Amino acid sequence: MKIFCLANVMLLSAILLFICGCATVAHTDRAQLMMVSEENEVAMGTEAWQQVMASEKLSTDTEKIHTVERIGGNIVKSLGAAANKYPWEFKVIESDTANAFALPGGKVAVYSGLFKYAANDAELAAVIGHEIAHVIARHGAERMSHQLALQVGGAIAAAFMQESQVQNMDLWMQAYGVAANVGAILPYSRKHEYEADYLGLLYMAKAGYDPRAAIAFWNKFSDPSKESALTAFLSTHPMSGSRIQEMNRRMPEAMTYYQQSRRL
């Protein structure tokens, strides 16, 4: 009887995971395990964002603020309905840290220290496009789905994800990758980073930013002489020669979008 019941639970879990987990990433068509609604994802991202904003010092440098808002706005506008459904916010955090991150639902932050390494708008667009790609591809919700499925089991996680109210924020934030001190964002998986690299190239190109600037920017992080200064960025965006090679492989497609944007 116990074996039968266990088999039923496992079957129910598999069915629920299949029903709740059918999703694909736009443009790449990669299948995702997805057990959280976009409504809950936006709500969780908004709450986590409020905690981050309350714990960090926001920049008062109007030039930096307007630059990030302009570039972010241009990229979002170029993506149409895929991006316009989110309540986007772009903020600059005052810190010597060279880093950037995104939270579910369209929340993107750039640390002021990153400006030292972005030579122009196009290089900064490479970073912002990469972070926007994490949001559009719902990498945060996908990570939450995987982590919660592991923590509480498929059937329970599937039911938990369907709750209309955001509950147990600590668990959500842990699953998303926000550490106990809120501002420390854990790195995405290699799979997610490669996907954000690729989509980010296309996004910046569609918005009229030369995607070749992304290679110039990311190459800076493979410079051993700058490793200590860029520890924060490298901890959340681990670089490798293969990532740059992959971006170069995708460049012809990105250049097609860039050339189209210049004809508009």
C-alpha atoms as a PDB file:
ATOM      1  CA  MET A   1       0.000   0.000   0.000  1.00  0.00           C
ATOM      2  CA  LYS A   2       2.839   2.401   0.873  1.00  0.00           C
ATOM      3  CA  ILE A   3       4.530   1.614  -2.428  1.00  0.00           C
ATOM      4  CA  PHE A   4       1.251   2.256  -4.268  1.00  0.00           C
ATOM      5  CA  CYS A   5       0.739   5.590  -2.489  1.00  0.00           C
ATOM      6  CA  LEU A   6       4.300   6.646  -3.179  1.00  0.00           C
ATOM      7  CA  ALA A   7       3.867   5.788  -6.826  1.00  0.00           C
ATOM      8  CA  ASN A   8       0.691   7.869  -6.942  1.00  0.00           C
ATOM      9  CA  VAL A   9       2.442  10.840  -5.356  1.00  0.00           C
ATOM     10  CA  MET A  10       5.328  10.580  -7.816  1.00  0.00           C
ATOM     11  CA  LEU A  11       2.906  10.329 -10.737  1.00  0.00           C
ATOM     12  CA  LEU A  12       0.918  13.316  -9.477  1.00  0.00           C
ATOM     13  CA  SER A  13       4.134  15.310  -9.058  1.00  0.00           C
ATOM     14  CA  ALA A  14       5.217  14.463 -12.587  1.00  0.00           C
ATOM     15  CA  ILE A  15       1.822  15.471 -14.000  1.00  0.00           C
ATOM     16  CA  LEU A  16       1.787  18.765 -12.097  1.00  0.00           C
ATOM     17  CA  LEU A  17       5.345  19.548 -13.098  1.00  0.00           C
ATOM     18  CA  PHE A  18       4.467  18.856 -16.737  1.00  0.00           C
ATOM     19  CA  ILE A  19       1.324  20.997 -16.627  1.00  0.00           C
ATOM     20  CA  CYS A  20       2.906  23.894 -14.747  1.00  0.00           C
ATOM     21  CA  GLY A  21       6.334  23.622 -16.310  1.00  0.00           C
ATOM     22  CA  CYS A  22       5.602  24.009 -20.013  1.00  0.00           C
ATOM     23  CA  ALA A  23       7.342  27.188 -21.191  1.00  0.00           C
ATOM     24  CA  THR A  24       9.887  28.200 -23.804  1.00  0.00           C
ATOM     25  CA  VAL A  25      12.267  31.130 -24.094  1.00  0.00           C
ATOM     26  CA  ALA A  26      11.295  33.517 -26.870  1.00  0.00           C
ATOM     27  CA  HIS A  27      13.683  33.459 -29.836  1.00  0.00           C
ATOM     28  CA  THR A  28      15.807  30.563 -28.571  1.00  0.00           C
ATOM     29  CA  ASP A  29      12.849  28.164 -28.086  1.00  0.00           C
ATOM     30  CA  ARG A  30      14.638  26.528 -25.159  1.00  0.00           C
ATOM     31  CA  ALA A  31      12.249  24.553 -22.955  1.00  0.00           C
ATOM     32  CA  GLN A  32      11.953  25.752 -19.344  1.00  0.00           C
ATOM     33  CA  LEU A  33      10.639  24.347 -16.093  1.00  0.00           C
ATOM     34  CA  MET A  34       8.250  27.108 -15.066  1.00  0.00           C
ATOM     35  CA  MET A  35       5.905  26.799 -12.102  1.00  0.00           C
ATOM     36  CA  VAL A  36       5.415  30.459 -11.239  1.00  0.00           C
ATOM     37  CA  SER A  37       2.976  32.810 -12.937  1.00  0.00           C
ATOM     38  CA  GLU A  38       4.207  36.085 -14.382  1.00  0.00           C
ATOM     39  CA  GLU A  39       1.852  37.880 -12.000  1.00  0.00           C
ATOM     40  CA  ASN A  40       3.542  36.335  -8.980  1.00  0.00           C
ATOM     41  CA  GLU A  41       6.956  36.810 -10.564  1.00  0.00           C
ATOM     42  CA  VAL A  42       6.358  40.550 -10.957  1.00  0.00           C
ATOM     43  CA  ALA A  43       5.027  40.799  -7.391  1.00  0.00           C
ATOM     44  CA  MET A  44       8.056  38.985  -5.977  1.00  0.00           C
ATOM     45  CA  GLY A  45      10.455  41.052  -8.046  1.00  0.00           C
ATOM     46  CA  THR A  46       8.788  44.265  -6.919  1.00  0.00           C
ATOM     47  CA  GLU A  47       8.998  43.329  -3.241  1.00  0.00           C
ATOM     48  CA  ALA A  48      12.618  42.240  -3.526  1.00  0.00           C
ATOM     49  CA  TRP A  49      13.389  45.453  -5.455  1.00  0.00           C
ATOM     50  CA  GLN A  50      11.891  47.579  -2.693  1.00  0.00           C
ATOM     51  CA  GLN A  51      14.124  45.835  -0.161  1.00  0.00           C
ATOM     52  CA  VAL A  52      17.190  46.354  -2.320  1.00  0.00           C
ATOM     53  CA  MET A  53      16.390  50.031  -2.905  1.00  0.00           C
ATOM     54  CA  ALA A  54      15.877  50.553   0.839  1.00  0.00           C
ATOM     55  CA  SER A  55      19.278  49.050   1.622  1.00  0.00           C
ATOM     56  CA  GLU A  56      21.370  50.732  -1.091  1.00  0.00           C
ATOM     57  CA  LYS A  57      22.393  54.339  -1.671  1.00  0.00           C
ATOM     58  CA  LEU A  58      20.973  55.612  -4.947  1.00  0.00           C
ATOM     59  CA  SER A  59      23.104  57.824  -7.140  1.00  0.00           C
ATOM     60  CA  THR A  60      22.283  61.512  -7.479  1.00  0.00           C
ATOM     61  CA  ASP A  61      24.421  61.878 -10.611  1.00  0.00           C
ATOM     62  CA  THR A  62      21.799  63.021 -13.117  1.00  0.00           C
ATOM     63  CA  GLU A  63      23.990  62.246 -16.124  1.00  0.00           C
ATOM     64  CA  LYS A  64      24.474  58.620 -15.088  1.00  0.00           C
ATOM     65  CA  ILE A  65      20.807  58.253 -14.138  1.00  0.00           C
ATOM     66  CA  HIS A  66      19.556  59.660 -17.441  1.00  0.00           C
ATOM     67  CA  THR A  67      22.036  57.546 -19.397  1.00  0.00           C
ATOM     68  CA  VAL A  68      20.870  54.297 -17.809  1.00  0.00           C
ATOM     69  CA  GLU A  69      17.196  55.262 -18.133  1.00  0.00           C
ATOM     70  CA  ARG A  70      17.649  56.303 -21.765  1.00  0.00           C
ATOM     71  CA  ILE A  71      19.499  53.162 -22.812  1.00  0.00           C
ATOM     72  CA  GLY A  72      17.140  50.891 -20.883  1.00  0.00           C
ATOM     73  CA  GLY A  73      14.118  52.688 -22.308  1.00  0.00           C
ATOM     74  CA  ASN A  74      15.428  52.445 -25.861  1.00  0.00           C
ATOM     75  CA  ILE A  75      16.005  48.699 -25.563  1.00  0.00           C
ATOM     76  CA  VAL A  76      12.597  48.061 -23.972  1.00  0.00           C
ATOM     77  CA  LYS A  77      10.857  50.145 -26.645  1.00  0.00           C
ATOM     78  CA  SER A  78      12.555  48.197 -29.437  1.00  0.00           C
ATOM     79  CA  LEU A  79      11.302  44.878 -28.021  1.00  0.00           C
ATOM     80  CA  GLY A  80       7.613  45.772 -28.182  1.00  0.00           C
ATOM     81  CA  ALA A  81       5.031  43.593 -26.423  1.00  0.00           C
ATOM     82  CA  ALA A  82       7.625  41.133 -25.077  1.00  0.00           C
ATOM     83  CA  ALA A  83       8.989  43.871 -22.820  1.00  0.00           C
ATOM     84  CA  ASN A  84       6.158  46.381 -22.477  1.00  0.00           C
ATOM     85  CA  LYS A  85       4.146  44.060 -20.233  1.00  0.00           C
ATOM     86  CA  TYR A  86       6.590  44.669 -17.372  1.00  0.00           C
ATOM     87  CA  PRO A  87       6.727  47.772 -15.110  1.00  0.00           C
ATOM     88  CA  TRP A  88      10.364  48.608 -15.881  1.00  0.00           C
ATOM     89  CA  GLU A  89      12.575  50.592 -13.556  1.00  0.00           C
ATOM     90  CA  PHE A  90      16.225  51.462 -14.150  1.00  0.00           C
ATOM     91  CA  LYS A  91      18.285  52.724 -11.230  1.00  0.00           C
ATOM     92  CA  VAL A  92      21.903  53.672 -10.572  1.00  0.00           C
ATOM     93  CA  ILE A  93      23.323  52.596  -7.218  1.00  0.00           C
ATOM     94  CA  GLU A  94      26.104  54.775  -5.850  1.00  0.00           C
ATOM     95  CA  SER A  95      29.045  52.467  -5.235  1.00  0.00           C
ATOM     96  CA  ASP A  96      32.593  51.893  -6.450  1.00  0.00           C
ATOM     97  CA  THR A  97      31.486  48.327  -7.153  1.00  0.00           C
ATOM     98  CA  ALA A  98      31.510  47.497 -10.851  1.00  0.00           C
ATOM     99  CA  ASN A  99      28.352  45.453 -11.230  1.00  0.00           C
ATOM    100  CA  ALA A 100      24.752  45.309 -12.457  1.00  0.00           C
ATOM    101  CA  PHE A 101      21.787  43.056 -11.827  1.00  0.00           C
ATOM    102  CA  ALA A 102      18.127  42.539 -12.715  1.00  0.00           C
ATOM    103  CA  LEU A 103      15.167  41.318 -10.684  1.00  0.00           C
ATOM    104  CA  PRO A 104      12.021  39.676 -12.078  1.00  0.00           C
ATOM    105  CA  GLY A 105       9.382  41.947 -13.501  1.00  0.00           C
ATOM    106  CA  GLY A 106      11.652  44.526 -15.115  1.00  0.00           C
ATOM    107  CA  LYS A 107      13.864  45.908 -12.362  1.00  0.00           C
ATOM    108  CA  VAL A 108      17.433  46.718 -13.437  1.00  0.00           C
ATOM    109  CA  ALA A 109      20.201  48.315 -11.373  1.00  0.00           C
ATOM    110  CA  VAL A 110      23.634  49.475 -12.491  1.00  0.00           C
ATOM    111  CA  TYR A 111      26.320  50.326  -9.945  1.00  0.00           C
ATOM    112  CA  SER A 112      28.038  53.641 -10.641  1.00  0.00           C
ATOM    113  CA  GLY A 113      31.432  51.921 -10.513  1.00  0.00           C
ATOM    114  CA  LEU A 114      30.613  50.156 -13.759  1.00  0.00           C
ATOM    115  CA  PHE A 115      30.739  53.435 -15.676  1.00  0.00           C
ATOM    116  CA  LYS A 116      34.532  53.410 -15.383  1.00  0.00           C
ATOM    117  CA  TYR A 117      34.625  50.376 -17.668  1.00  0.00           C
ATOM    118  CA  ALA A 118      31.973  51.362 -20.214  1.00  0.00           C
ATOM    119  CA  ALA A 119      33.638  53.562 -22.807  1.00  0.00           C
ATOM    120  CA  ASN A 120      30.383  54.646 -24.473  1.00  0.00           C
ATOM    121  CA  ASP A 121      26.625  54.127 -24.580  1.00  0.00           C
ATOM    122  CA  ALA A 122      26.955  51.010 -26.729  1.00  0.00           C
ATOM    123  CA  GLU A 123      29.201  49.273 -24.180  1.00  0.00           C
ATOM    124  CA  LEU A 124      26.799  50.165 -21.378  1.00  0.00           C
ATOM    125  CA  ALA A 125      23.949  48.906 -23.574  1.00  0.00           C
ATOM    126  CA  ALA A 126      25.729  45.543 -23.699  1.00  0.00           C
ATOM    127  CA  VAL A 127      25.365  45.259 -19.924  1.00  0.00           C
ATOM    128  CA  ILE A 128      21.810  46.596 -19.751  1.00  0.00           C
ATOM    129  CA  GLY A 129      20.727  44.436 -22.689  1.00  0.00           C
ATOM    130  CA  HIS A 130      22.201  41.397 -20.939  1.00  0.00           C
ATOM    131  CA  GLU A 131      20.254  42.168 -17.750  1.00  0.00           C
ATOM    132  CA  ILE A 132      17.036  42.844 -19.672  1.00  0.00           C
ATOM    133  CA  ALA A 133      17.519  39.462 -21.348  1.00  0.00           C
ATOM    134  CA  HIS A 134      17.508  37.753 -17.945  1.00  0.00           C
ATOM    135  CA  VAL A 135      14.117  39.380 -17.269  1.00  0.00           C
ATOM    136  CA  ILE A 136      12.535  38.649 -20.663  1.00  0.00           C
ATOM    137  CA  ALA A 137      13.747  35.042 -20.593  1.00  0.00           C
ATOM    138  CA  ARG A 138      12.363  34.730 -17.036  1.00  0.00           C
ATOM    139  CA  HIS A 139      15.593  33.235 -15.761  1.00  0.00           C
ATOM    140  CA  GLY A 140      14.751  34.267 -12.198  1.00  0.00           C
ATOM    141  CA  ALA A 141      11.399  32.466 -12.238  1.00  0.00           C
ATOM    142  CA  GLU A 142      13.036  29.448 -13.841  1.00  0.00           C
ATOM    143  CA  ARG A 143      15.655  29.342 -11.089  1.00  0.00           C
ATOM    144  CA  MET A 144      12.934  29.706  -8.465  1.00  0.00           C
ATOM    145  CA  SER A 145      11.026  26.813 -10.039  1.00  0.00           C
ATOM    146  CA  HIS A 146      14.054  24.538  -9.961  1.00  0.00           C
ATOM    147  CA  GLN A 147      15.049  25.454  -6.415  1.00  0.00           C
ATOM    148  CA  LEU A 148      11.576  25.185  -4.945  1.00  0.00           C
ATOM    149  CA  ALA A 149      10.940  21.890  -6.726  1.00  0.00           C
ATOM    150  CA  LEU A 150      14.097  20.542  -5.102  1.00  0.00           C
ATOM    151  CA  GLN A 151      13.255  21.980  -1.671  1.00  0.00           C
ATOM    152  CA  VAL A 152       9.626  21.029  -1.265  1.00  0.00           C
ATOM    153  CA  GLY A 153       8.938  18.426  -3.944  1.00  0.00           C
ATOM    154  CA  GLY A 154       7.177  18.682  -7.241  1.00  0.00           C
ATOM    155  CA  ALA A 155       3.542  18.396  -6.177  1.00  0.00           C
ATOM    156  CA  ILE A 156       3.854  20.749  -3.212  1.00  0.00           C
ATOM    157  CA  ALA A 157       5.926  23.257  -5.198  1.00  0.00           C
ATOM    158  CA  ALA A 158       3.391  23.265  -8.010  1.00  0.00           C
ATOM    159  CA  ALA A 159       0.585  24.051  -5.548  1.00  0.00           C
ATOM    160  CA  PHE A 160       2.757  26.586  -3.713  1.00  0.00           C
ATOM    161  CA  MET A 161       3.447  28.439  -6.961  1.00  0.00           C
ATOM    162  CA  GLN A 162      -0.253  28.844  -7.642  1.00  0.00           C
ATOM    163  CA  GLU A 163      -0.890  30.877  -4.476  1.00  0.00           C
ATOM    164  CA  SER A 164      -2.310  34.280  -5.409  1.00  0.00           C
ATOM    165  CA  GLN A 165      -0.338  36.065  -2.681  1.00  0.00           C
ATOM    166  CA  VAL A 166       3.423  36.210  -2.340  1.00  0.00           C
ATOM    167  CA  GLN A 167       4.265  34.146   0.725  1.00  0.00           C
ATOM    168  CA  ASN A 168       7.485  33.362   2.575  1.00  0.00           C
ATOM    169  CA  MET A 169       9.568  36.075   0.915  1.00  0.00           C
ATOM    170  CA  ASP A 170      12.785  34.720   2.399  1.00  0.00           C
ATOM    171  CA  LEU A 171      12.251  31.466   0.526  1.00  0.00           C
ATOM    172  CA  TRP A 172      11.436  33.282  -2.706  1.00  0.00           C
ATOM    173  CA  MET A 173      14.503  35.471  -2.450  1.00  0.00           C
ATOM    174  CA  GLN A 174      16.748  32.542  -1.582  1.00  0.00           C
ATOM    175  CA  ALA A 175      15.429  30.595  -4.546  1.00  0.00           C
ATOM    176  CA  TYR A 176      15.838  33.596  -6.838  1.00  0.00           C
ATOM    177  CA  GLY A 177      19.412  34.122  -5.730  1.00  0.00           C
ATOM    178  CA  VAL A 178      19.208  37.143  -3.450  1.00  0.00           C
ATOM    179  CA  ALA A 179      21.409  36.471  -0.460  1.00  0.00           C
ATOM    180  CA  ALA A 180      20.619  37.385   3.147  1.00  0.00           C
ATOM    181  CA  ASN A 181      22.083  40.869   2.795  1.00  0.00           C
ATOM    182  CA  VAL A 182      19.657  41.515  -0.090  1.00  0.00           C
ATOM    183  CA  GLY A 183      22.053  43.298  -2.407  1.00  0.00           C
ATOM    184  CA  ALA A 184      24.273  40.291  -3.087  1.00  0.00           C
ATOM    185  CA  ILE A 185      22.900  38.625  -6.200  1.00  0.00           C
ATOM    186  CA  LEU A 186      24.132  35.104  -6.825  1.00  0.00           C
ATOM    187  CA  PRO A 187      25.340  34.199 -10.319  1.00  0.00           C
ATOM    188  CA  TYR A 188      23.093  32.610 -12.873  1.00  0.00           C
ATOM    189  CA  SER A 189      23.914  29.237 -14.333  1.00  0.00           C
ATOM    190  CA  ARG A 190      26.235  29.035 -17.314  1.00  0.00           C
ATOM    191  CA  LYS A 191      23.212  28.159 -19.465  1.00  0.00           C
ATOM    192  CA  HIS A 192      21.407  31.335 -18.425  1.00  0.00           C
ATOM    193  CA  GLU A 193      24.496  33.494 -18.881  1.00  0.00           C
ATOM    194  CA  TYR A 194      25.090  32.231 -22.417  1.00  0.00           C
ATOM    195  CA  GLU A 195      21.442  32.803 -23.260  1.00  0.00           C
ATOM    196  CA  ALA A 196      21.491  36.341 -21.822  1.00  0.00           C
ATOM    197  CA  ASP A 197      24.696  37.042 -23.785  1.00  0.00           C
ATOM    198  CA  TYR A 198      22.996  36.001 -27.015  1.00  0.00           C
ATOM    199  CA  LEU A 199      19.671  37.734 -26.414  1.00  0.00           C
ATOM    200  CA  GLY A 200      21.427  40.805 -25.049  1.00  0.00           C
ATOM    201  CA  LEU A 201      23.357  41.150 -28.317  1.00  0.00           C
ATOM    202  CA  LEU A 202      20.125  41.042 -30.299  1.00  0.00           C
ATOM    203  CA  TYR A 203      18.337  43.438 -27.969  1.00  0.00           C
ATOM    204  CA  MET A 204      21.019  46.124 -28.062  1.00  0.00           C
ATOM    205  CA  ALA A 205      21.286  45.754 -31.840  1.00  0.00           C
ATOM    206  CA  LYS A 206      17.524  46.166 -32.308  1.00  0.00           C
ATOM    207  CA  ALA A 207      17.718  49.367 -30.257  1.00  0.00           C
ATOM    208  CA  GLY A 208      20.421  50.761 -32.542  1.00  0.00           C
ATOM    209  CA  TYR A 209      23.520  50.054 -30.441  1.00  0.00           C
ATOM    210  CA  ASP A 210      26.444  48.470 -32.276  1.00  0.00           C
ATOM    211  CA  PRO A 211      26.651  44.896 -30.925  1.00  0.00           C
ATOM    212  CA  ARG A 212      30.382  44.776 -31.628  1.00  0.00           C
ATOM    213  CA  ALA A 213      30.757  47.048 -28.596  1.00  0.00           C
ATOM    214  CA  ALA A 214      29.696  44.091 -26.452  1.00  0.00           C
ATOM    215  CA  ILE A 215      32.835  42.197 -27.426  1.00  0.00           C
ATOM    216  CA  ALA A 216      34.999  45.211 -26.568  1.00  0.00           C
ATOM    217  CA  PHE A 217      33.266  45.518 -23.205  1.00  0.00           C
ATOM    218  CA  TRP A 218      33.313  41.838 -22.196  1.00  0.00           C
ATOM    219  CA  ASN A 219      36.944  41.517 -23.280  1.00  0.00           C
ATOM    220  CA  LYS A 220      37.873  43.937 -20.512  1.00  0.00           C
ATOM    221  CA  PHE A 221      36.845  41.343 -17.968  1.00  0.00           C
ATOM    222  CA  SER A 222      39.295  38.778 -19.289  1.00  0.00           C
ATOM    223  CA  ASP A 223      42.177  41.143 -18.497  1.00  0.00           C
ATOM    224  CA  PRO A 224      44.037  39.674 -15.466  1.00  0.00           C
ATOM    225  CA  SER A 225      45.379  43.121 -14.530  1.00  0.00           C
ATOM    226  CA  LYS A 226      41.815  44.299 -13.812  1.00  0.00           C
ATOM    227  CA  GLU A 227      40.647  41.190 -12.015  1.00  0.00           C
ATOM    228  CA  SER A 228      40.828  42.620  -8.501  1.00  0.00           C
ATOM    229  CA  ALA A 229      38.917  45.769  -9.474  1.00  0.00           C
ATOM    230  CA  LEU A 230      36.195  43.744 -11.157  1.00  0.00           C
ATOM    231  CA  THR A 231      35.790  40.997  -8.583  1.00  0.00           C
ATOM    232  CA  ALA A 232      32.135  41.844  -7.964  1.00  0.00           C
ATOM    233  CA  PHE A 233      31.215  41.807 -11.622  1.00  0.00           C
ATOM    234  CA  LEU A 234      33.086  38.587 -12.301  1.00  0.00           C
ATOM    235  CA  SER A 235      31.438  36.902  -9.322  1.00  0.00           C
ATOM    236  CA  THR A 236      28.008  37.325 -10.903  1.00  0.00           C
ATOM    237  CA  HIS A 237      29.018  37.339 -14.582  1.00  0.00           C
ATOM    238  CA  PRO A 238      31.823  34.752 -14.757  1.00  0.00           C
ATOM    239  CA  MET A 239      33.735  35.218 -17.977  1.00  0.00           C
ATOM    240  CA  SER A 240      35.485  32.719 -20.181  1.00  0.00           C
ATOM    241  CA  GLY A 241      37.036  32.698 -23.612  1.00  0.00           C
ATOM    242  CA  SER A 242      34.267  30.406 -24.804  1.00  0.00           C
ATOM    243  CA  ARG A 243      31.604  32.987 -23.916  1.00  0.00           C
ATOM    244  CA  ILE A 244      33.300  35.610 -26.059  1.00  0.00           C
ATOM    245  CA  GLN A 245      33.737  33.064 -28.845  1.00  0.00           C
ATOM    246  CA  GLU A 246      30.025  32.294 -28.671  1.00  0.00           C
ATOM    247  CA  MET A 247      29.153  35.996 -28.878  1.00  0.00           C
ATOM    248  CA  ASN A 248      31.401  36.328 -31.914  1.00  0.00           C
ATOM    249  CA  ARG A 249      29.604  33.362 -33.472  1.00  0.00           C
ATOM    250  CA  ARG A 250      26.265  35.099 -32.917  1.00  0.00           C
ATOM    251  CA  MET A 251      27.526  38.454 -34.181  1.00  0.00           C
ATOM    252  CA  PRO A 252      26.362  38.138 -37.836  1.00  0.00           C
ATOM    253  CA  GLU A 253      22.747  37.736 -36.688  1.00  0.00           C
ATOM    254  CA  ALA A 254      23.080  40.671 -34.290  1.00  0.00           C
ATOM    255  CA  MET A 255      24.633  42.829 -37.025  1.00  0.00           C
ATOM    256  CA  THR A 256      21.627  42.128 -39.235  1.00  0.00           C
ATOM    257  CA  TYR A 257      19.342  43.602 -36.590  1.00  0.00           C
ATOM    258  CA  TYR A 258      21.719  46.518 -36.075  1.00  0.00           C
ATOM    259  CA  GLN A 259      21.775  47.354 -39.788  1.00  0.00           C
ATOM    260  CA  GLN A 260      17.983  47.147 -39.917  1.00  0.00           C
ATOM    261  CA  SER A 261      17.686  49.524 -36.966  1.00  0.00           C
ATOM    262  CA  ARG A 262      19.896  52.077 -38.702  1.00  0.00           C
ATOM    263  CA  ARG A 263      17.615  52.057 -41.764  1.00  0.00           C
ATOM    264  CA  LEU A 264      14.536  52.926 -39.702  1.00  0.00           C
END
